[in-house]
Amino acid sequence: MNERPEITGALLGRGSKIRDILGLIGELREIREPLTNADALRRSLELLARFAEFISVDGQWIERIKSILSDENVFNIVLAIVRLLAGFVVAKRDEGTFVVAMAEGPDAVIEAQAFIDWLPLIFQLLDLLRQIRNGR
């Protein structure tokens, strides 16, 4: 009756996984710069991709995040859209593009199709990051 329960490797593995997940959440919460900052956005996306892998989110969703991180042009489109959503619009062009003020380098031009392609994922990412950062 007073026997100690045997702790299996699988159980220890789950505890380690929980610790890793909590560590990632902590790292995300430590990012103080706004997501309109390229470094803050990149770091947040890296941590979010790792977090998604730990909790076994759909692989296609994770691959889209990784494609943002691996392709500088795609990252700049996503950053420009985040900045657009934050109110950094310089001008709207008649031919269906937006010009967005970028802190680093020249202003970015976002084509309507790129905006349409990436906006749903960006909303998901921003909402998820908001929830994690605010502890909800």
N, C-alpha and C. Protein backbone atom coordinates (compact mmCIF):
# COMPACT_ATOMS: atom_id res chain seq x y z
N MET A 1 0.81 -1.20 0.00
CA MET A 1 0.00 0.00 0.00
C MET A 1 0.84 1.26 0.00
N ASN A 2 1.96 1.23 0.65
CA ASN A 2 2.80 2.40 0.71
C ASN A 2 3.92 2.37 -0.32
N GLU A 3 3.70 1.62 -1.39
CA GLU A 3 4.71 1.53 -2.41
C GLU A 3 4.80 2.83 -3.19
N ARG A 4 6.02 3.17 -3.54
CA ARG A 4 6.22 4.36 -4.37
C ARG A 4 5.82 4.04 -5.80
N PRO A 5 5.11 4.95 -6.46
CA PRO A 5 4.76 4.69 -7.85
C PRO A 5 6.01 4.74 -8.71
N GLU A 6 6.04 3.90 -9.69
CA GLU A 6 7.17 3.88 -10.61
C GLU A 6 6.97 4.97 -11.67
N ILE A 7 7.96 5.79 -11.83
CA ILE A 7 7.88 6.87 -12.82
C ILE A 7 8.52 6.37 -14.10
N THR A 8 7.73 6.33 -15.14
CA THR A 8 8.23 5.83 -16.42
C THR A 8 8.85 6.96 -17.22
N GLY A 9 9.63 6.58 -18.21
CA GLY A 9 10.24 7.56 -19.10
C GLY A 9 9.20 8.39 -19.83
N ALA A 10 8.07 7.77 -20.19
CA ALA A 10 7.01 8.51 -20.90
C ALA A 10 6.46 9.62 -20.02
N LEU A 11 6.26 9.33 -18.74
CA LEU A 11 5.75 10.34 -17.84
C LEU A 11 6.75 11.48 -17.68
N LEU A 12 8.00 11.14 -17.55
CA LEU A 12 9.03 12.18 -17.45
C LEU A 12 9.08 13.00 -18.74
N GLY A 13 8.88 12.35 -19.86
CA GLY A 13 8.88 13.05 -21.14
C GLY A 13 7.77 14.08 -21.22
N ARG A 14 6.59 13.75 -20.68
CA ARG A 14 5.48 14.70 -20.69
C ARG A 14 5.79 15.91 -19.82
N GLY A 15 6.41 15.66 -18.68
CA GLY A 15 6.76 16.77 -17.79
C GLY A 15 7.77 17.70 -18.45
N SER A 16 8.70 17.11 -19.18
CA SER A 16 9.68 17.90 -19.90
C SER A 16 9.02 18.72 -21.00
N LYS A 17 8.06 18.10 -21.69
CA LYS A 17 7.34 18.80 -22.75
C LYS A 17 6.56 19.98 -22.19
N ILE A 18 5.90 19.77 -21.07
CA ILE A 18 5.15 20.86 -20.43
C ILE A 18 6.09 21.97 -20.03
N ARG A 19 7.24 21.62 -19.47
CA ARG A 19 8.23 22.62 -19.08
C ARG A 19 8.71 23.41 -20.29
N ASP A 20 8.93 22.71 -21.42
CA ASP A 20 9.36 23.38 -22.65
C ASP A 20 8.28 24.33 -23.17
N ILE A 21 7.04 23.89 -23.13
CA ILE A 21 5.93 24.73 -23.59
C ILE A 21 5.81 25.97 -22.72
N LEU A 22 5.89 25.79 -21.42
CA LEU A 22 5.82 26.94 -20.51
C LEU A 22 7.01 27.89 -20.73
N GLY A 23 8.16 27.31 -21.02
CA GLY A 23 9.33 28.14 -21.33
C GLY A 23 9.11 28.98 -22.58
N LEU A 24 8.53 28.37 -23.62
CA LEU A 24 8.25 29.12 -24.85
C LEU A 24 7.23 30.23 -24.61
N ILE A 25 6.20 29.93 -23.83
CA ILE A 25 5.21 30.96 -23.49
C ILE A 25 5.89 32.10 -22.74
N GLY A 26 6.77 31.75 -21.81
CA GLY A 26 7.50 32.78 -21.07
C GLY A 26 8.36 33.64 -21.98
N GLU A 27 9.04 33.00 -22.93
CA GLU A 27 9.86 33.76 -23.87
C GLU A 27 9.01 34.69 -24.74
N LEU A 28 7.85 34.21 -25.16
CA LEU A 28 6.96 35.07 -25.95
C LEU A 28 6.49 36.27 -25.14
N ARG A 29 6.22 36.05 -23.89
CA ARG A 29 5.75 37.15 -23.02
C ARG A 29 6.86 38.15 -22.72
N GLU A 30 8.10 37.72 -22.82
CA GLU A 30 9.23 38.62 -22.54
C GLU A 30 9.51 39.58 -23.69
N ILE A 31 8.97 39.32 -24.86
CA ILE A 31 9.19 40.21 -26.01
C ILE A 31 8.37 41.48 -25.77
N ARG A 32 9.04 42.57 -25.57
CA ARG A 32 8.38 43.84 -25.23
C ARG A 32 8.16 44.75 -26.43
N GLU A 33 8.96 44.57 -27.46
CA GLU A 33 8.83 45.43 -28.62
C GLU A 33 7.54 45.08 -29.35
N PRO A 34 6.94 46.06 -30.03
CA PRO A 34 5.73 45.76 -30.80
C PRO A 34 6.07 44.87 -31.99
N LEU A 35 5.08 44.16 -32.49
CA LEU A 35 5.29 43.26 -33.62
C LEU A 35 5.55 44.02 -34.92
N THR A 36 5.42 45.32 -34.91
CA THR A 36 5.78 46.13 -36.07
C THR A 36 7.29 46.26 -36.18
N ASN A 37 8.01 45.83 -35.16
CA ASN A 37 9.47 45.79 -35.17
C ASN A 37 9.88 44.47 -35.80
N ALA A 38 10.74 44.51 -36.80
CA ALA A 38 11.13 43.29 -37.54
C ALA A 38 11.71 42.23 -36.62
N ASP A 39 12.60 42.60 -35.72
CA ASP A 39 13.21 41.61 -34.83
C ASP A 39 12.18 40.98 -33.89
N ALA A 40 11.26 41.79 -33.37
CA ALA A 40 10.23 41.26 -32.47
C ALA A 40 9.28 40.33 -33.22
N LEU A 41 8.93 40.68 -34.44
CA LEU A 41 8.06 39.82 -35.23
C LEU A 41 8.76 38.51 -35.57
N ARG A 42 10.01 38.59 -36.00
CA ARG A 42 10.76 37.38 -36.35
C ARG A 42 10.90 36.46 -35.14
N ARG A 43 11.28 37.01 -34.01
CA ARG A 43 11.46 36.20 -32.79
C ARG A 43 10.13 35.59 -32.36
N SER A 44 9.04 36.37 -32.43
CA SER A 44 7.72 35.86 -32.05
C SER A 44 7.29 34.72 -32.96
N LEU A 45 7.53 34.85 -34.25
CA LEU A 45 7.16 33.79 -35.19
C LEU A 45 8.00 32.53 -34.97
N GLU A 46 9.29 32.71 -34.69
CA GLU A 46 10.14 31.55 -34.40
C GLU A 46 9.63 30.79 -33.18
N LEU A 47 9.32 31.52 -32.12
CA LEU A 47 8.83 30.88 -30.90
C LEU A 47 7.45 30.27 -31.12
N LEU A 48 6.61 30.95 -31.88
CA LEU A 48 5.28 30.43 -32.15
C LEU A 48 5.34 29.15 -32.97
N ALA A 49 6.26 29.07 -33.92
CA ALA A 49 6.43 27.84 -34.71
C ALA A 49 6.87 26.70 -33.81
N ARG A 50 7.80 26.96 -32.91
CA ARG A 50 8.25 25.91 -31.98
C ARG A 50 7.11 25.48 -31.06
N PHE A 51 6.35 26.46 -30.58
CA PHE A 51 5.20 26.19 -29.72
C PHE A 51 4.19 25.31 -30.45
N ALA A 52 3.89 25.66 -31.70
CA ALA A 52 2.93 24.91 -32.51
C ALA A 52 3.39 23.47 -32.73
N GLU A 53 4.69 23.29 -32.92
CA GLU A 53 5.23 21.94 -33.08
C GLU A 53 5.06 21.13 -31.79
N PHE A 54 5.30 21.76 -30.64
CA PHE A 54 5.16 21.06 -29.37
C PHE A 54 3.73 20.59 -29.13
N ILE A 55 2.76 21.41 -29.52
CA ILE A 55 1.37 21.04 -29.24
C ILE A 55 0.71 20.36 -30.44
N SER A 56 1.52 20.01 -31.44
CA SER A 56 1.07 19.24 -32.61
C SER A 56 -0.04 19.93 -33.40
N VAL A 57 0.18 21.19 -33.71
CA VAL A 57 -0.74 21.93 -34.57
C VAL A 57 -0.58 21.39 -35.99
N ASP A 58 -1.57 21.60 -36.82
CA ASP A 58 -1.55 21.16 -38.22
C ASP A 58 -0.23 21.55 -38.89
N GLY A 59 0.40 20.58 -39.53
CA GLY A 59 1.70 20.78 -40.16
C GLY A 59 1.71 21.85 -41.23
N GLN A 60 0.61 21.99 -41.98
CA GLN A 60 0.56 23.01 -43.02
C GLN A 60 0.61 24.41 -42.42
N TRP A 61 -0.03 24.58 -41.28
CA TRP A 61 -0.02 25.88 -40.60
C TRP A 61 1.40 26.21 -40.15
N ILE A 62 2.07 25.22 -39.60
CA ILE A 62 3.46 25.41 -39.15
C ILE A 62 4.35 25.72 -40.34
N GLU A 63 4.15 25.03 -41.45
CA GLU A 63 4.96 25.27 -42.66
C GLU A 63 4.77 26.68 -43.19
N ARG A 64 3.57 27.22 -43.08
CA ARG A 64 3.35 28.61 -43.53
C ARG A 64 4.14 29.58 -42.66
N ILE A 65 4.17 29.32 -41.36
CA ILE A 65 4.98 30.18 -40.48
C ILE A 65 6.45 30.06 -40.85
N LYS A 66 6.90 28.84 -41.06
CA LYS A 66 8.30 28.63 -41.42
C LYS A 66 8.63 29.26 -42.77
N SER A 67 7.67 29.28 -43.69
CA SER A 67 7.93 29.92 -44.99
C SER A 67 8.10 31.42 -44.83
N ILE A 68 7.43 32.00 -43.87
CA ILE A 68 7.61 33.43 -43.58
C ILE A 68 9.04 33.67 -43.11
N LEU A 69 9.51 32.79 -42.24
CA LEU A 69 10.84 32.95 -41.65
C LEU A 69 11.97 32.62 -42.62
N SER A 70 11.72 31.72 -43.55
CA SER A 70 12.80 31.28 -44.43
C SER A 70 12.94 32.12 -45.70
N ASP A 71 11.96 32.90 -46.03
CA ASP A 71 11.98 33.70 -47.25
C ASP A 71 11.89 35.18 -46.88
N GLU A 72 12.98 35.89 -47.05
CA GLU A 72 13.04 37.30 -46.64
C GLU A 72 11.98 38.15 -47.33
N ASN A 73 11.68 37.85 -48.59
CA ASN A 73 10.64 38.61 -49.30
C ASN A 73 9.27 38.39 -48.67
N VAL A 74 8.97 37.14 -48.32
CA VAL A 74 7.69 36.84 -47.67
C VAL A 74 7.65 37.49 -46.30
N PHE A 75 8.75 37.41 -45.56
CA PHE A 75 8.79 38.05 -44.24
C PHE A 75 8.51 39.55 -44.36
N ASN A 76 9.09 40.18 -45.36
CA ASN A 76 8.87 41.62 -45.54
C ASN A 76 7.41 41.93 -45.90
N ILE A 77 6.77 41.05 -46.66
CA ILE A 77 5.35 41.23 -46.97
C ILE A 77 4.53 41.13 -45.68
N VAL A 78 4.82 40.11 -44.87
CA VAL A 78 4.09 39.92 -43.62
C VAL A 78 4.34 41.10 -42.68
N LEU A 79 5.59 41.52 -42.56
CA LEU A 79 5.90 42.68 -41.72
C LEU A 79 5.17 43.92 -42.21
N ALA A 80 5.13 44.11 -43.52
CA ALA A 80 4.44 45.27 -44.08
C ALA A 80 2.94 45.20 -43.78
N ILE A 81 2.36 44.01 -43.85
CA ILE A 81 0.93 43.87 -43.54
C ILE A 81 0.67 44.14 -42.06
N VAL A 82 1.54 43.64 -41.20
CA VAL A 82 1.41 43.93 -39.76
C VAL A 82 1.49 45.43 -39.53
N ARG A 83 2.43 46.08 -40.19
CA ARG A 83 2.56 47.53 -40.05
C ARG A 83 1.36 48.25 -40.65
N LEU A 84 0.82 47.74 -41.73
CA LEU A 84 -0.38 48.31 -42.34
C LEU A 84 -1.54 48.23 -41.35
N LEU A 85 -1.72 47.07 -40.73
CA LEU A 85 -2.79 46.90 -39.75
C LEU A 85 -2.61 47.80 -38.53
N ALA A 86 -1.36 48.13 -38.24
CA ALA A 86 -1.07 49.01 -37.10
C ALA A 86 -1.19 50.49 -37.46
N GLY A 87 -1.50 50.78 -38.72
CA GLY A 87 -1.72 52.17 -39.12
C GLY A 87 -0.53 52.85 -39.75
N PHE A 88 0.42 52.09 -40.27
CA PHE A 88 1.61 52.67 -40.87
C PHE A 88 1.46 52.91 -42.38
N VAL A 89 0.24 53.12 -42.83
CA VAL A 89 0.01 53.31 -44.26
C VAL A 89 0.53 54.68 -44.68
N VAL A 90 1.32 54.69 -45.72
CA VAL A 90 1.79 55.96 -46.28
C VAL A 90 0.81 56.43 -47.34
N ALA A 91 0.42 55.55 -48.24
CA ALA A 91 -0.50 55.92 -49.31
C ALA A 91 -1.17 54.67 -49.85
N LYS A 92 -2.35 54.88 -50.39
CA LYS A 92 -3.04 53.80 -51.10
C LYS A 92 -2.97 54.14 -52.57
N ARG A 93 -2.54 53.19 -53.37
CA ARG A 93 -2.43 53.42 -54.80
C ARG A 93 -3.69 52.96 -55.50
N ASP A 94 -3.95 53.55 -56.65
CA ASP A 94 -5.13 53.21 -57.42
C ASP A 94 -5.09 51.81 -57.99
N GLU A 95 -3.91 51.30 -58.32
CA GLU A 95 -3.82 50.00 -58.96
C GLU A 95 -3.87 48.83 -57.98
N GLY A 96 -4.43 49.04 -56.79
CA GLY A 96 -4.64 47.93 -55.87
C GLY A 96 -3.45 47.58 -55.01
N THR A 97 -2.60 48.52 -54.70
CA THR A 97 -1.47 48.27 -53.82
C THR A 97 -1.47 49.29 -52.69
N PHE A 98 -0.77 48.95 -51.64
CA PHE A 98 -0.57 49.86 -50.52
C PHE A 98 0.91 50.12 -50.39
N VAL A 99 1.26 51.31 -49.97
CA VAL A 99 2.64 51.62 -49.63
C VAL A 99 2.69 51.75 -48.11
N VAL A 100 3.59 51.00 -47.50
CA VAL A 100 3.68 50.95 -46.05
C VAL A 100 5.03 51.46 -45.60
N ALA A 101 5.03 52.35 -44.61
CA ALA A 101 6.28 52.89 -44.08
C ALA A 101 7.02 51.80 -43.33
N MET A 102 8.28 51.61 -43.67
CA MET A 102 9.11 50.61 -43.02
C MET A 102 10.21 51.33 -42.25
N ALA A 103 10.46 50.92 -41.03
CA ALA A 103 11.49 51.56 -40.22
C ALA A 103 12.87 51.32 -40.81
N GLU A 104 13.08 50.11 -41.35
CA GLU A 104 14.36 49.75 -41.93
C GLU A 104 14.21 49.72 -43.44
N GLY A 105 14.97 50.49 -44.13
CA GLY A 105 14.95 50.45 -45.59
C GLY A 105 13.80 51.25 -46.19
N PRO A 106 13.61 51.07 -47.49
CA PRO A 106 12.58 51.85 -48.20
C PRO A 106 11.17 51.38 -47.83
N ASP A 107 10.19 52.21 -48.14
CA ASP A 107 8.80 51.84 -47.93
C ASP A 107 8.49 50.57 -48.72
N ALA A 108 7.55 49.80 -48.21
CA ALA A 108 7.17 48.54 -48.86
C ALA A 108 5.88 48.73 -49.65
N VAL A 109 5.82 48.08 -50.80
CA VAL A 109 4.61 48.08 -51.60
C VAL A 109 3.98 46.70 -51.49
N ILE A 110 2.73 46.64 -51.07
CA ILE A 110 2.02 45.37 -50.92
C ILE A 110 1.01 45.26 -52.05
N GLU A 111 1.15 44.21 -52.82
CA GLU A 111 0.18 43.91 -53.88
C GLU A 111 -1.10 43.37 -53.25
N ALA A 112 -2.21 43.64 -53.89
CA ALA A 112 -3.51 43.20 -53.37
C ALA A 112 -3.55 41.69 -53.16
N GLN A 113 -3.00 40.90 -54.08
CA GLN A 113 -3.05 39.44 -53.97
C GLN A 113 -2.23 38.94 -52.77
N ALA A 114 -1.07 39.53 -52.55
CA ALA A 114 -0.26 39.14 -51.39
C ALA A 114 -1.00 39.48 -50.10
N PHE A 115 -1.65 40.62 -50.09
CA PHE A 115 -2.43 41.03 -48.93
C PHE A 115 -3.53 40.01 -48.66
N ILE A 116 -4.26 39.61 -49.69
CA ILE A 116 -5.35 38.64 -49.56
C ILE A 116 -4.82 37.27 -49.14
N ASP A 117 -3.68 36.86 -49.69
CA ASP A 117 -3.11 35.55 -49.38
C ASP A 117 -2.66 35.43 -47.93
N TRP A 118 -2.05 36.47 -47.40
CA TRP A 118 -1.44 36.38 -46.08
C TRP A 118 -2.31 36.91 -44.95
N LEU A 119 -3.30 37.73 -45.23
CA LEU A 119 -4.08 38.36 -44.17
C LEU A 119 -4.75 37.37 -43.21
N PRO A 120 -5.41 36.31 -43.69
CA PRO A 120 -6.04 35.39 -42.72
C PRO A 120 -5.04 34.77 -41.73
N LEU A 121 -3.89 34.34 -42.23
CA LEU A 121 -2.89 33.76 -41.34
C LEU A 121 -2.35 34.82 -40.38
N ILE A 122 -2.14 36.01 -40.86
CA ILE A 122 -1.62 37.08 -40.00
C ILE A 122 -2.61 37.38 -38.88
N PHE A 123 -3.90 37.43 -39.19
CA PHE A 123 -4.90 37.62 -38.13
C PHE A 123 -4.83 36.50 -37.10
N GLN A 124 -4.70 35.25 -37.55
CA GLN A 124 -4.58 34.13 -36.62
C GLN A 124 -3.34 34.28 -35.74
N LEU A 125 -2.22 34.61 -36.37
CA LEU A 125 -0.97 34.75 -35.62
C LEU A 125 -1.05 35.88 -34.61
N LEU A 126 -1.56 37.03 -35.03
CA LEU A 126 -1.64 38.18 -34.13
C LEU A 126 -2.58 37.89 -32.96
N ASP A 127 -3.71 37.22 -33.25
CA ASP A 127 -4.64 36.88 -32.17
C ASP A 127 -4.01 35.89 -31.20
N LEU A 128 -3.34 34.88 -31.72
CA LEU A 128 -2.68 33.89 -30.87
C LEU A 128 -1.58 34.54 -30.03
N LEU A 129 -0.78 35.38 -30.65
CA LEU A 129 0.29 36.06 -29.91
C LEU A 129 -0.30 36.99 -28.84
N ARG A 130 -1.39 37.67 -29.15
CA ARG A 130 -2.05 38.54 -28.17
C ARG A 130 -2.52 37.72 -26.98
N GLN A 131 -3.14 36.58 -27.26
CA GLN A 131 -3.64 35.73 -26.17
C GLN A 131 -2.50 35.21 -25.31
N ILE A 132 -1.42 34.78 -25.93
CA ILE A 132 -0.28 34.25 -25.17
C ILE A 132 0.37 35.35 -24.36
N ARG A 133 0.59 36.50 -24.98
CA ARG A 133 1.24 37.60 -24.26
C ARG A 133 0.40 38.12 -23.10
N ASN A 134 -0.93 38.08 -23.25
CA ASN A 134 -1.81 38.60 -22.21
C ASN A 134 -2.25 37.51 -21.22
N GLY A 135 -1.80 36.29 -21.43
CA GLY A 135 -2.11 35.21 -20.51
C GLY A 135 -3.54 34.73 -20.59
N ARG A 136 -4.14 34.79 -21.78
CA ARG A 136 -5.54 34.34 -21.94
C ARG A 136 -5.61 33.10 -22.75
